[in-house]
């Protein structure tokens, strides 16, 4: 693909200004031991596992019984990258002279910080870095194929990520229960790719230990049972998105905001029978629009039922493709999680 991204076919891939450094150990700030009462924790988390290897051919992937749009593959020697990019992706500033490091992307964060040896340092030679490492492992990959005529396959549709992450977590919990192991023995991730071969959402699993017992690969033989148990986990709860009775737990707290059991249920329904979620009832659309009334009034726009001034507004399921018939279409997730953008979308139909 040359200088274009294989997954989206757009943009130019340029070398990152940041380096990824594998850490061999950590020392307390300024090299001093603090009592627990004086400790102020600043926590960052690693991103989802980054998996960029593409299937070499179609021979290594097989259909899953009773699923129309789902295939499975056991893939050997796949490269995984684990990376911590700090808060808001700003990374960490590392002093090349003394080894001191703090969150951020400018030298100000290192002011008044001593080196690990407790000595003062000018921090005159610094790098903006990410923390991480890469390794080779065997993986189990579940590949969902999307139909662009029915599913919104644009890269800015966050449904892909929420559905993939949530189903991956459900599968991990289900596999732990079936194999009678701690679910932390497995690591999961997902990725969306839209290329010349089609649109795909990959959900993948691998053993958390490099010398693991091969749990992830063994799941391919019982994948039907695992998916059924995962669906049970997703459906047995009555929460809006996710809670500690279904998908949330201490180990995945860094993705709590992304978990959505309903999106995962939609993904499974598509994989099995090619079912796309129903349109949202008008009653629910009105409820979703309630927070917009006063905001739109300040902009000179009156929201009355499902009409904004003289135009009809429709909130559609984020999984689906919106229609093009002159109405104002808003994604359900846009209204739920990004009200300012939803307001801009509506206003853009009246003020150009």
Protein backbone atom coordinates (compact mmCIF):
# COMPACT_ATOMS: atom_id res chain seq x y z
CA UNK A 1 0.00 0.00 0.00
CA UNK A 2 3.05 2.28 -0.01
CA UNK A 3 2.58 5.34 2.15
CA UNK A 4 -1.14 4.73 2.72
CA UNK A 5 -2.77 2.95 5.64
CA UNK A 6 -3.85 -0.57 4.68
CA UNK A 7 -6.92 -0.43 6.93
CA UNK A 8 -8.51 2.81 5.70
CA UNK A 9 -6.56 3.57 2.52
CA UNK A 10 -6.20 7.20 3.54
CA UNK A 11 -3.52 9.54 4.78
CA UNK A 12 0.22 9.22 4.79
CA UNK A 13 1.88 7.07 7.40
CA UNK A 14 4.65 9.15 8.94
CA UNK A 15 7.25 8.21 11.49
CA UNK A 16 6.14 9.08 15.01
CA UNK A 17 8.05 11.78 16.84
CA UNK A 18 7.80 9.66 19.99
CA UNK A 19 9.83 6.59 20.80
CA UNK A 20 8.47 3.53 22.55
CA UNK A 21 10.72 2.45 25.40
CA UNK A 22 10.60 -0.82 27.28
CA UNK A 23 10.94 -0.15 30.99
CA UNK A 24 13.06 -2.46 33.10
CA UNK A 25 12.00 -1.02 36.43
CA UNK A 26 10.73 2.02 38.29
CA UNK A 27 11.94 4.17 41.16
CA UNK A 28 9.85 6.47 43.40
CA UNK A 29 9.76 10.18 42.57
CA UNK A 30 12.99 11.91 43.61
CA UNK A 31 14.28 8.54 44.79
CA UNK A 32 12.53 9.02 48.13
CA UNK A 33 10.25 6.63 50.00
CA UNK A 34 6.94 8.22 50.97
CA UNK A 35 4.59 7.12 53.70
CA UNK A 36 1.22 5.85 52.52
CA UNK A 37 -0.48 8.91 54.00
CA UNK A 38 1.54 11.21 51.74
CA UNK A 39 1.22 9.19 48.57
CA UNK A 40 -0.71 10.80 45.72
CA UNK A 41 -1.22 8.27 42.97
CA UNK A 42 -1.33 9.25 39.31
CA UNK A 43 -2.47 6.21 37.39
CA UNK A 44 -2.22 5.54 33.68
CA UNK A 45 -3.12 2.37 31.83
CA UNK A 46 -1.83 0.52 28.82
CA UNK A 47 -4.00 0.71 25.72
CA UNK A 48 -5.74 -2.29 24.25
CA UNK A 49 -3.29 -4.78 22.76
CA UNK A 50 -2.26 -3.53 19.31
CA UNK A 51 -2.45 -6.24 16.65
CA UNK A 52 -1.65 -5.20 13.08
CA UNK A 53 -0.82 -8.50 11.35
CA UNK A 54 -3.07 -9.23 8.38
CA UNK A 55 -4.23 -12.70 7.28
CA UNK A 56 -1.88 -14.00 4.58
CA UNK A 57 -4.61 -16.03 2.84
CA UNK A 58 -8.08 -17.47 3.39
CA UNK A 59 -6.83 -20.97 4.19
CA UNK A 60 -6.16 -20.25 7.85
CA UNK A 61 -9.71 -19.15 8.63
CA UNK A 62 -12.86 -21.27 8.86
CA UNK A 63 -16.60 -20.61 9.22
CA UNK A 64 -18.17 -20.97 12.66
CA UNK A 65 -21.09 -23.40 12.71
CA UNK A 66 -24.52 -21.70 12.85
CA UNK A 67 -23.00 -18.25 12.25
CA UNK A 68 -23.46 -16.63 8.83
CA UNK A 69 -20.99 -13.76 9.17
CA UNK A 70 -18.38 -15.14 11.57
CA UNK A 71 -15.14 -17.04 10.94
CA UNK A 72 -12.43 -18.30 13.28
CA UNK A 73 -8.69 -18.80 13.00
CA UNK A 74 -5.84 -20.05 15.19
CA UNK A 75 -2.83 -17.93 14.23
CA UNK A 76 0.72 -18.72 15.26
CA UNK A 77 3.50 -16.26 16.03
CA UNK A 78 1.51 -13.03 15.92
CA UNK A 79 3.16 -9.79 17.01
CA UNK A 80 1.38 -7.87 19.80
CA UNK A 81 2.29 -4.40 21.06
CA UNK A 82 1.35 -3.20 24.55
CA UNK A 83 1.72 0.54 24.93
CA UNK A 84 1.00 3.20 27.56
CA UNK A 85 0.70 6.64 25.98
CA UNK A 86 -0.03 8.48 29.24
CA UNK A 87 -3.01 10.74 29.87
CA UNK A 88 -4.61 12.10 26.70
CA UNK A 89 -1.91 10.44 24.62
CA UNK A 90 0.75 12.97 25.69
CA UNK A 91 3.20 10.27 26.71
CA UNK A 92 6.03 10.80 29.19
CA UNK A 93 9.04 13.09 29.34
CA UNK A 94 12.26 11.15 29.95
CA UNK A 95 15.55 12.75 30.92
CA UNK A 96 18.43 11.07 29.06
CA UNK A 97 20.91 12.29 31.69
CA UNK A 98 19.40 10.97 34.92
CA UNK A 99 16.49 8.71 33.90
CA UNK A 100 13.75 10.76 35.59
CA UNK A 101 10.38 10.52 33.87
CA UNK A 102 7.00 12.20 34.36
CA UNK A 103 3.70 12.28 32.49
CA UNK A 104 3.39 15.02 29.87
CA UNK A 105 4.86 16.27 26.63
CA UNK A 106 7.03 19.21 27.68
CA UNK A 107 9.96 19.78 30.02
CA UNK A 108 7.85 21.67 32.57
CA UNK A 109 6.72 18.38 34.13
CA UNK A 110 10.34 17.63 35.10
CA UNK A 111 10.90 20.88 36.96
CA UNK A 112 11.92 20.33 40.59
CA UNK A 113 12.17 16.58 39.96
CA UNK A 114 15.40 14.91 41.06
CA UNK A 115 16.94 11.91 39.42
CA UNK A 116 16.41 8.41 40.83
CA UNK A 117 19.78 8.82 42.59
CA UNK A 118 18.35 11.83 44.51
CA UNK A 119 20.73 14.21 42.70
CA UNK A 120 19.66 17.46 41.08
CA UNK A 121 19.66 17.39 37.27
CA UNK A 122 19.26 20.09 34.64
CA UNK A 123 17.12 17.77 32.49
CA UNK A 124 18.65 19.47 29.46
CA UNK A 125 18.40 16.38 27.27
CA UNK A 126 14.91 14.92 27.16
CA UNK A 127 12.71 12.72 25.00
CA UNK A 128 8.94 12.47 24.71
CA UNK A 129 8.26 8.74 24.90
CA UNK A 130 5.58 6.09 25.23
CA UNK A 131 6.09 3.09 27.50
CA UNK A 132 5.62 -0.32 25.96
CA UNK A 133 6.94 -3.55 24.58
CA UNK A 134 6.15 -6.06 21.85
CA UNK A 135 6.12 -9.84 21.85
CA UNK A 136 5.16 -12.85 19.75
CA UNK A 137 2.25 -15.10 20.75
CA UNK A 138 -0.36 -17.52 19.40
CA UNK A 139 -3.86 -16.11 19.04
CA UNK A 140 -7.46 -17.06 18.51
CA UNK A 141 -9.14 -14.63 16.10
CA UNK A 142 -12.88 -14.25 15.50
CA UNK A 143 -13.60 -12.34 12.29
CA UNK A 144 -17.00 -10.66 11.82
CA UNK A 145 -17.68 -9.60 8.23
CA UNK A 146 -19.91 -6.55 7.76
CA UNK A 147 -22.26 -5.62 4.94
CA UNK A 148 -21.73 -1.96 4.12
CA UNK A 149 -25.27 -1.71 2.75
CA UNK A 150 -26.77 -2.48 6.17
CA UNK A 151 -24.11 -1.56 8.75
CA UNK A 152 -22.50 1.84 9.17
CA UNK A 153 -18.91 0.96 8.29
CA UNK A 154 -17.39 4.46 8.54
CA UNK A 155 -14.29 4.71 10.72
CA UNK A 156 -15.84 7.37 12.95
CA UNK A 157 -18.65 5.01 14.02
CA UNK A 158 -17.79 4.20 17.64
CA UNK A 159 -20.25 1.29 17.61
CA UNK A 160 -17.52 -0.92 16.15
CA UNK A 161 -15.22 -0.35 19.11
CA UNK A 162 -17.88 -0.58 21.81
CA UNK A 163 -19.33 -3.77 20.33
CA UNK A 164 -15.91 -5.39 19.82
CA UNK A 165 -14.48 -4.51 23.24
CA UNK A 166 -17.65 -5.60 25.03
CA UNK A 167 -17.94 -8.92 23.22
CA UNK A 168 -14.23 -9.58 23.83
CA UNK A 169 -14.74 -9.08 27.57
CA UNK A 170 -17.82 -11.31 27.58
CA UNK A 171 -15.90 -14.05 25.75
CA UNK A 172 -13.03 -13.78 28.22
CA UNK A 173 -15.40 -14.19 31.18
CA UNK A 174 -17.22 -17.05 29.46
CA UNK A 175 -13.96 -18.84 28.58
CA UNK A 176 -12.73 -18.55 32.16
CA UNK A 177 -15.94 -20.11 33.43
CA UNK A 178 -15.95 -22.97 30.91
CA UNK A 179 -12.24 -23.79 31.26
CA UNK A 180 -12.40 -23.29 35.04
CA UNK A 181 -9.52 -20.81 35.03
CA UNK A 182 -9.13 -17.24 36.22
CA UNK A 183 -10.23 -14.98 33.37
CA UNK A 184 -7.02 -12.98 33.84
CA UNK A 185 -5.23 -15.92 32.19
CA UNK A 186 -6.58 -14.55 28.90
CA UNK A 187 -6.10 -11.17 27.23
CA UNK A 188 -8.55 -9.84 24.66
CA UNK A 189 -8.69 -7.07 22.12
CA UNK A 190 -10.45 -5.99 18.93
CA UNK A 191 -9.72 -4.07 15.75
CA UNK A 192 -11.77 -2.76 12.85
CA UNK A 193 -10.48 -2.93 9.29
CA UNK A 194 -12.05 -1.69 6.09
CA UNK A 195 -10.06 -2.70 3.02
CA UNK A 196 -10.40 -4.03 -0.52
CA UNK A 197 -11.46 -7.43 0.82
CA UNK A 198 -14.38 -5.92 2.78
CA UNK A 199 -15.25 -4.59 6.23
CA UNK A 200 -14.26 -6.71 9.23
CA UNK A 201 -14.25 -6.54 13.01
CA UNK A 202 -11.71 -8.88 14.59
CA UNK A 203 -12.06 -10.00 18.20
CA UNK A 204 -8.96 -11.82 19.41
CA UNK A 205 -7.69 -13.66 22.49
CA UNK A 206 -4.31 -14.88 23.66
CA UNK A 207 -2.77 -16.26 26.84
CA UNK A 208 -1.58 -13.60 29.29
CA UNK A 209 1.67 -15.52 29.92
CA UNK A 210 4.05 -16.14 27.05
CA UNK A 211 4.55 -19.66 28.38
CA UNK A 212 0.81 -20.10 28.89
CA UNK A 213 -1.08 -23.37 28.72
CA UNK A 214 -2.58 -22.72 25.27
CA UNK A 215 -6.01 -21.82 26.60
CA UNK A 216 -6.82 -19.38 23.78
CA UNK A 217 -6.11 -21.84 20.99
CA UNK A 218 -8.03 -24.63 22.72
CA UNK A 219 -11.18 -22.49 22.65
CA UNK A 220 -11.55 -22.96 18.90
CA UNK A 221 -12.84 -26.50 19.50
CA UNK A 222 -15.63 -25.28 21.80
CA UNK A 223 -16.25 -21.83 20.31
CA UNK A 224 -20.00 -22.46 19.98
CA UNK A 225 -20.28 -23.15 23.71
CA UNK A 226 -18.12 -20.11 24.53
CA UNK A 227 -20.25 -17.78 22.40
CA UNK A 228 -23.45 -19.13 23.97
CA UNK A 229 -22.09 -18.52 27.47
CA UNK A 230 -20.90 -15.04 26.46
CA UNK A 231 -24.37 -14.23 25.14
CA UNK A 232 -25.87 -15.41 28.42
CA UNK A 233 -23.58 -13.05 30.34
CA UNK A 234 -24.64 -10.17 28.10
CA UNK A 235 -28.37 -10.84 28.27
CA UNK A 236 -28.85 -11.83 31.91
CA UNK A 237 -28.33 -8.24 33.11
CA UNK A 238 -30.77 -5.31 32.88
CA UNK A 239 -28.32 -2.40 33.13
CA UNK A 240 -28.20 0.33 30.46
CA UNK A 241 -24.65 -0.27 29.21
CA UNK A 242 -22.52 -2.35 31.60
CA UNK A 243 -22.16 -2.92 35.34
CA UNK A 244 -20.36 -5.12 37.86
CA UNK A 245 -23.02 -7.79 37.46
CA UNK A 246 -22.12 -8.37 33.81
CA UNK A 247 -18.97 -6.94 32.16
CA UNK A 248 -17.25 -4.59 34.60
CA UNK A 249 -14.56 -5.70 37.04
CA UNK A 250 -11.46 -4.27 38.64
CA UNK A 251 -9.06 -5.45 35.95
CA UNK A 252 -10.88 -3.71 33.09
CA UNK A 253 -11.65 -0.43 34.83
CA UNK A 254 -9.65 1.50 32.20
CA UNK A 255 -12.27 0.57 29.55
CA UNK A 256 -15.41 0.88 31.67
CA UNK A 257 -16.51 3.84 29.56
CA UNK A 258 -16.36 1.72 26.39
CA UNK A 259 -18.30 -1.30 27.63
CA UNK A 260 -21.77 -1.73 26.16
CA UNK A 261 -23.46 -5.12 26.49
CA UNK A 262 -26.26 -4.13 24.08
CA UNK A 263 -23.77 -3.34 21.31
CA UNK A 264 -22.14 -6.75 21.87
CA UNK A 265 -25.55 -8.44 21.65
CA UNK A 266 -26.16 -6.64 18.34
CA UNK A 267 -22.77 -7.83 17.05
CA UNK A 268 -23.56 -11.45 17.95
CA UNK A 269 -27.00 -11.23 16.32
CA UNK A 270 -25.41 -9.96 13.14
CA UNK A 271 -22.74 -12.67 13.19
CA UNK A 272 -25.28 -15.44 13.68
CA UNK A 273 -28.25 -14.47 11.51
CA UNK A 274 -27.34 -11.22 9.76
CA UNK A 275 -29.83 -9.33 11.94
CA UNK A 276 -29.53 -5.55 12.13
CA UNK A 277 -31.03 -3.89 15.20
CA UNK A 278 -34.54 -2.42 14.90
CA UNK A 279 -35.29 1.25 14.48
CA UNK A 280 -35.58 3.18 17.75
CA UNK A 281 -39.23 3.69 18.86
CA UNK A 282 -40.42 7.31 18.78
CA UNK A 283 -40.96 7.28 22.54
CA UNK A 284 -37.28 6.49 23.13
CA UNK A 285 -36.18 9.04 20.53
CA UNK A 286 -38.12 11.75 22.37
CA UNK A 287 -36.48 10.75 25.64
CA UNK A 288 -33.02 10.97 24.09
CA UNK A 289 -33.80 14.41 22.68
CA UNK A 290 -35.01 15.92 25.98
CA UNK A 291 -31.58 17.35 27.00
CA UNK A 292 -31.43 19.27 23.70
CA UNK A 293 -34.53 21.44 24.15
CA UNK A 294 -33.03 24.40 26.00
CA UNK A 295 -29.70 24.23 24.15
CA UNK A 296 -31.45 24.49 20.79
CA UNK A 297 -33.74 27.29 22.00
CA UNK A 298 -30.65 29.39 22.75
CA UNK A 299 -29.74 28.96 19.07
CA UNK A 300 -33.18 29.99 17.86
CA UNK A 301 -34.30 26.44 17.11
CA UNK A 302 -37.48 24.98 18.56
CA UNK A 303 -37.70 21.27 19.21
CA UNK A 304 -41.28 20.04 19.13
CA UNK A 305 -41.73 16.28 19.36
CA UNK A 306 -39.51 15.00 16.54
CA UNK A 307 -39.48 18.27 14.61
CA UNK A 308 -36.85 20.99 14.71
CA UNK A 309 -38.51 24.06 13.21
CA UNK A 310 -39.74 22.65 9.88
CA UNK A 311 -37.47 19.59 9.66
CA UNK A 312 -38.05 16.11 11.03
CA UNK A 313 -35.31 14.64 13.19
CA UNK A 314 -34.59 10.91 13.46
CA UNK A 315 -32.32 9.17 15.95
CA UNK A 316 -31.13 5.91 14.45
CA UNK A 317 -29.27 2.93 15.99
CA UNK A 318 -25.53 3.54 15.68
CA UNK A 319 -25.08 0.12 14.09
CA UNK A 320 -27.22 0.99 11.06
CA UNK A 321 -26.65 3.09 7.97
CA UNK A 322 -28.67 6.35 8.11
CA UNK A 323 -31.11 7.10 5.29
CA UNK A 324 -30.75 10.02 2.93
CA UNK A 325 -34.21 11.50 2.51
CA UNK A 326 -33.90 15.11 3.66
CA UNK A 327 -34.52 14.42 7.35
CA UNK A 328 -31.98 15.17 10.09
CA UNK A 329 -30.40 11.88 11.14
CA UNK A 330 -28.47 11.58 14.40
CA UNK A 331 -26.63 8.50 15.65
CA UNK A 332 -27.92 7.19 18.98
CA UNK A 333 -24.39 7.23 20.42
CA UNK A 334 -23.89 10.82 19.28
CA UNK A 335 -26.90 11.94 21.33
CA UNK A 336 -25.94 9.78 24.31
CA UNK A 337 -22.24 10.55 24.57
CA UNK A 338 -21.48 13.67 22.49
CA UNK A 339 -24.28 16.21 22.92
CA UNK A 340 -22.23 19.23 21.73
CA UNK A 341 -21.53 17.47 18.42
CA UNK A 342 -25.19 16.47 18.13
CA UNK A 343 -26.18 20.12 18.55
CA UNK A 344 -23.70 21.13 15.85
CA UNK A 345 -25.13 18.49 13.51
CA UNK A 346 -28.64 19.86 13.98
CA UNK A 347 -27.60 23.51 13.75
CA UNK A 348 -25.65 22.80 10.57
CA UNK A 349 -28.93 22.06 8.80
CA UNK A 350 -30.13 25.62 9.43
CA UNK A 351 -27.02 27.81 9.70
CA UNK A 352 -24.38 27.37 7.01
